[in-house]
Amino acid sequence: MTDPQPQEELPKGSLISRLLRIRVGWMLVRNTVVSAGVFVIGLGVLWLLVERAGMDEVPASGIGFAIATTLHYALGRSWIFRGTDRGLASGFALFLLNGGIGLGLTMALMAALLAATPIHYLVARILVSVIAGLAVFVLNAVWNFRRV
């Protein structure tokens, strides 16, 4: 799969119209593949920290999220957001900043779900990942890698 438009020819229009383009859909598909792989690793870290190290679920979810976010950048930069002219170091810094926003959202939603429901922490983490993952994808596509 190749991106049909180089970065310098990105379409103009409202953010919503730009996000609903087929090219962006393919970026989201690639992002989902990478995200799913690193998410499983993050869940494994979460499980190890809670079940083996005895850590509380909420901070453990933050650590698992941070590890998965770092792997996501390493595996996804050249495949998901290919064609970016963002530098490697500045892209990683912005990716981490966006990940921090996702981390805050993840931890707040985890805390709310665990406090308000009897839901298992791993199920809560999976549900929370959908919302936080989409938010971080949009931030990276629009602001960091400027591919939308």
Protein backbone atom coordinates (compact mmCIF):
# COMPACT_ATOMS: atom_id res chain seq x y z
CA MET A 1 0.00 0.00 0.00
CA THR A 2 1.42 3.35 -0.92
CA ASP A 3 0.25 6.82 -0.04
CA PRO A 4 -1.23 8.32 -3.22
CA GLN A 5 -0.20 11.88 -2.34
CA PRO A 6 3.18 13.15 -1.18
CA GLN A 7 3.14 15.42 1.86
CA GLU A 8 3.53 18.67 -0.05
CA GLU A 9 0.25 17.97 -1.89
CA LEU A 10 -1.91 17.25 1.13
CA PRO A 11 -5.52 18.26 0.56
CA LYS A 12 -6.97 21.39 2.08
CA GLY A 13 -10.33 21.59 3.79
CA SER A 14 -11.81 21.15 7.21
CA LEU A 15 -10.16 18.78 9.64
CA ILE A 16 -13.14 16.44 9.49
CA SER A 17 -13.08 16.29 5.67
CA ARG A 18 -9.33 15.63 5.74
CA LEU A 19 -9.68 12.88 8.36
CA LEU A 20 -12.37 11.13 6.29
CA ARG A 21 -10.16 10.60 3.23
CA ILE A 22 -9.23 7.10 2.06
CA ARG A 23 -5.51 7.84 2.43
CA VAL A 24 -6.05 8.64 6.11
CA GLY A 25 -8.13 5.48 6.46
CA TRP A 26 -5.13 3.45 5.29
CA MET A 27 -2.94 5.28 7.79
CA LEU A 28 -5.44 4.33 10.49
CA VAL A 29 -5.35 0.69 9.34
CA ARG A 30 -1.54 0.65 9.55
CA ASN A 31 -1.72 2.40 12.92
CA THR A 32 -4.19 -0.21 14.14
CA VAL A 33 -1.88 -3.08 13.15
CA VAL A 34 1.06 -1.53 15.00
CA SER A 35 -1.12 -0.47 17.93
CA ALA A 36 -2.56 -3.95 18.37
CA GLY A 37 0.89 -5.51 18.54
CA VAL A 38 2.33 -3.07 21.04
CA PHE A 39 -0.94 -3.06 22.99
CA VAL A 40 -0.55 -6.78 23.67
CA ILE A 41 2.96 -6.07 24.96
CA GLY A 42 1.59 -3.25 27.13
CA LEU A 43 -1.09 -5.57 28.53
CA GLY A 44 1.61 -8.12 29.31
CA VAL A 45 3.59 -5.49 31.20
CA LEU A 46 0.42 -4.43 33.04
CA TRP A 47 -0.33 -8.02 33.99
CA LEU A 48 3.24 -8.63 35.17
CA LEU A 49 3.30 -5.47 37.28
CA VAL A 50 -0.08 -6.19 38.90
CA GLU A 51 -0.02 -9.96 39.26
CA ARG A 52 3.69 -10.59 39.81
CA ALA A 53 5.01 -7.32 41.30
CA GLY A 54 1.87 -6.45 43.30
CA MET A 55 1.58 -2.91 41.90
CA ASP A 56 -1.70 -0.99 41.90
CA GLU A 57 -3.61 -1.28 38.60
CA VAL A 58 -3.75 2.43 37.69
CA PRO A 59 -0.02 3.31 37.89
CA ALA A 60 0.78 -0.08 36.34
CA SER A 61 -1.49 0.80 33.41
CA GLY A 62 0.50 4.02 32.99
CA ILE A 63 3.81 2.15 32.85
CA GLY A 64 2.44 -0.37 30.37
CA PHE A 65 1.09 2.47 28.26
CA ALA A 66 4.45 4.30 28.25
CA ILE A 67 6.31 1.18 27.10
CA ALA A 68 3.76 0.47 24.37
CA THR A 69 3.88 4.11 23.18
CA THR A 70 7.66 4.01 22.82
CA LEU A 71 7.51 0.77 20.84
CA HIS A 72 4.71 2.22 18.71
CA TYR A 73 6.93 5.10 17.63
CA ALA A 74 9.88 2.84 16.87
CA LEU A 75 7.76 0.43 14.79
CA GLY A 76 5.37 2.91 13.23
CA ARG A 77 7.27 6.01 12.16
CA SER A 78 8.34 4.80 8.75
CA TRP A 79 5.24 2.72 8.02
CA ILE A 80 2.24 4.59 9.44
CA PHE A 81 3.31 8.16 8.77
CA ARG A 82 5.69 7.55 5.88
CA GLY A 83 6.63 10.60 3.90
CA THR A 84 6.85 12.87 6.92
CA ASP A 85 9.55 15.49 6.92
CA ARG A 86 9.50 15.68 10.73
CA GLY A 87 12.94 14.99 12.18
CA LEU A 88 13.51 11.77 14.09
CA ALA A 89 14.22 13.38 17.47
CA SER A 90 11.57 16.09 17.25
CA GLY A 91 9.05 13.53 15.96
CA PHE A 92 9.79 11.26 18.90
CA ALA A 93 9.47 14.16 21.34
CA LEU A 94 6.11 15.16 19.89
CA PHE A 95 5.02 11.50 19.78
CA LEU A 96 5.83 11.24 23.48
CA LEU A 97 3.96 14.47 24.19
CA ASN A 98 0.95 13.11 22.34
CA GLY A 99 1.43 9.84 24.19
CA GLY A 100 1.41 11.81 27.44
CA ILE A 101 -1.97 13.23 26.48
CA GLY A 102 -3.10 9.67 25.75
CA LEU A 103 -1.59 8.51 29.03
CA GLY A 104 -3.53 11.13 30.98
CA LEU A 105 -6.72 10.16 29.19
CA THR A 106 -5.98 6.45 29.74
CA MET A 107 -5.31 6.82 33.45
CA ALA A 108 -8.31 9.09 34.06
CA LEU A 109 -10.66 6.74 32.23
CA MET A 110 -9.12 3.69 33.94
CA ALA A 111 -9.58 5.28 37.35
CA ALA A 112 -13.17 6.25 36.54
CA LEU A 113 -14.10 2.81 35.21
CA LEU A 114 -12.46 0.97 38.09
CA ALA A 115 -14.08 3.25 40.67
CA ALA A 116 -17.55 3.23 39.12
CA THR A 117 -17.87 -0.36 37.91
CA PRO A 118 -16.88 -3.88 38.93
CA ILE A 119 -15.15 -4.30 35.55
CA HIS A 120 -11.87 -6.25 35.49
CA TYR A 121 -8.85 -3.99 35.06
CA LEU A 122 -7.73 -5.67 31.82
CA VAL A 123 -11.19 -5.27 30.25
CA ALA A 124 -11.24 -1.64 31.37
CA ARG A 125 -7.83 -1.10 29.78
CA ILE A 126 -9.02 -2.55 26.48
CA LEU A 127 -12.10 -0.30 26.43
CA VAL A 128 -10.07 2.78 27.34
CA SER A 129 -7.55 2.03 24.59
CA VAL A 130 -10.09 2.65 21.84
CA ILE A 131 -10.75 6.23 22.94
CA ALA A 132 -7.17 7.12 23.83
CA GLY A 133 -5.78 5.41 20.72
CA LEU A 134 -7.99 7.35 18.32
CA ALA A 135 -7.19 10.62 20.05
CA VAL A 136 -3.43 10.01 19.84
CA PHE A 137 -3.66 8.89 16.19
CA VAL A 138 -5.37 12.15 15.22
CA LEU A 139 -2.83 14.23 17.18
CA ASN A 140 0.07 12.47 15.47
CA ALA A 141 -1.45 12.50 11.98
CA VAL A 142 -2.38 16.19 12.10
CA TRP A 143 0.11 17.86 14.43
CA ASN A 144 3.23 15.73 14.69
CA PHE A 145 3.77 14.09 11.32
CA ARG A 146 1.55 16.53 9.39
CA ARG A 147 0.15 13.83 7.14
CA VAL A 148 -3.48 15.04 7.27
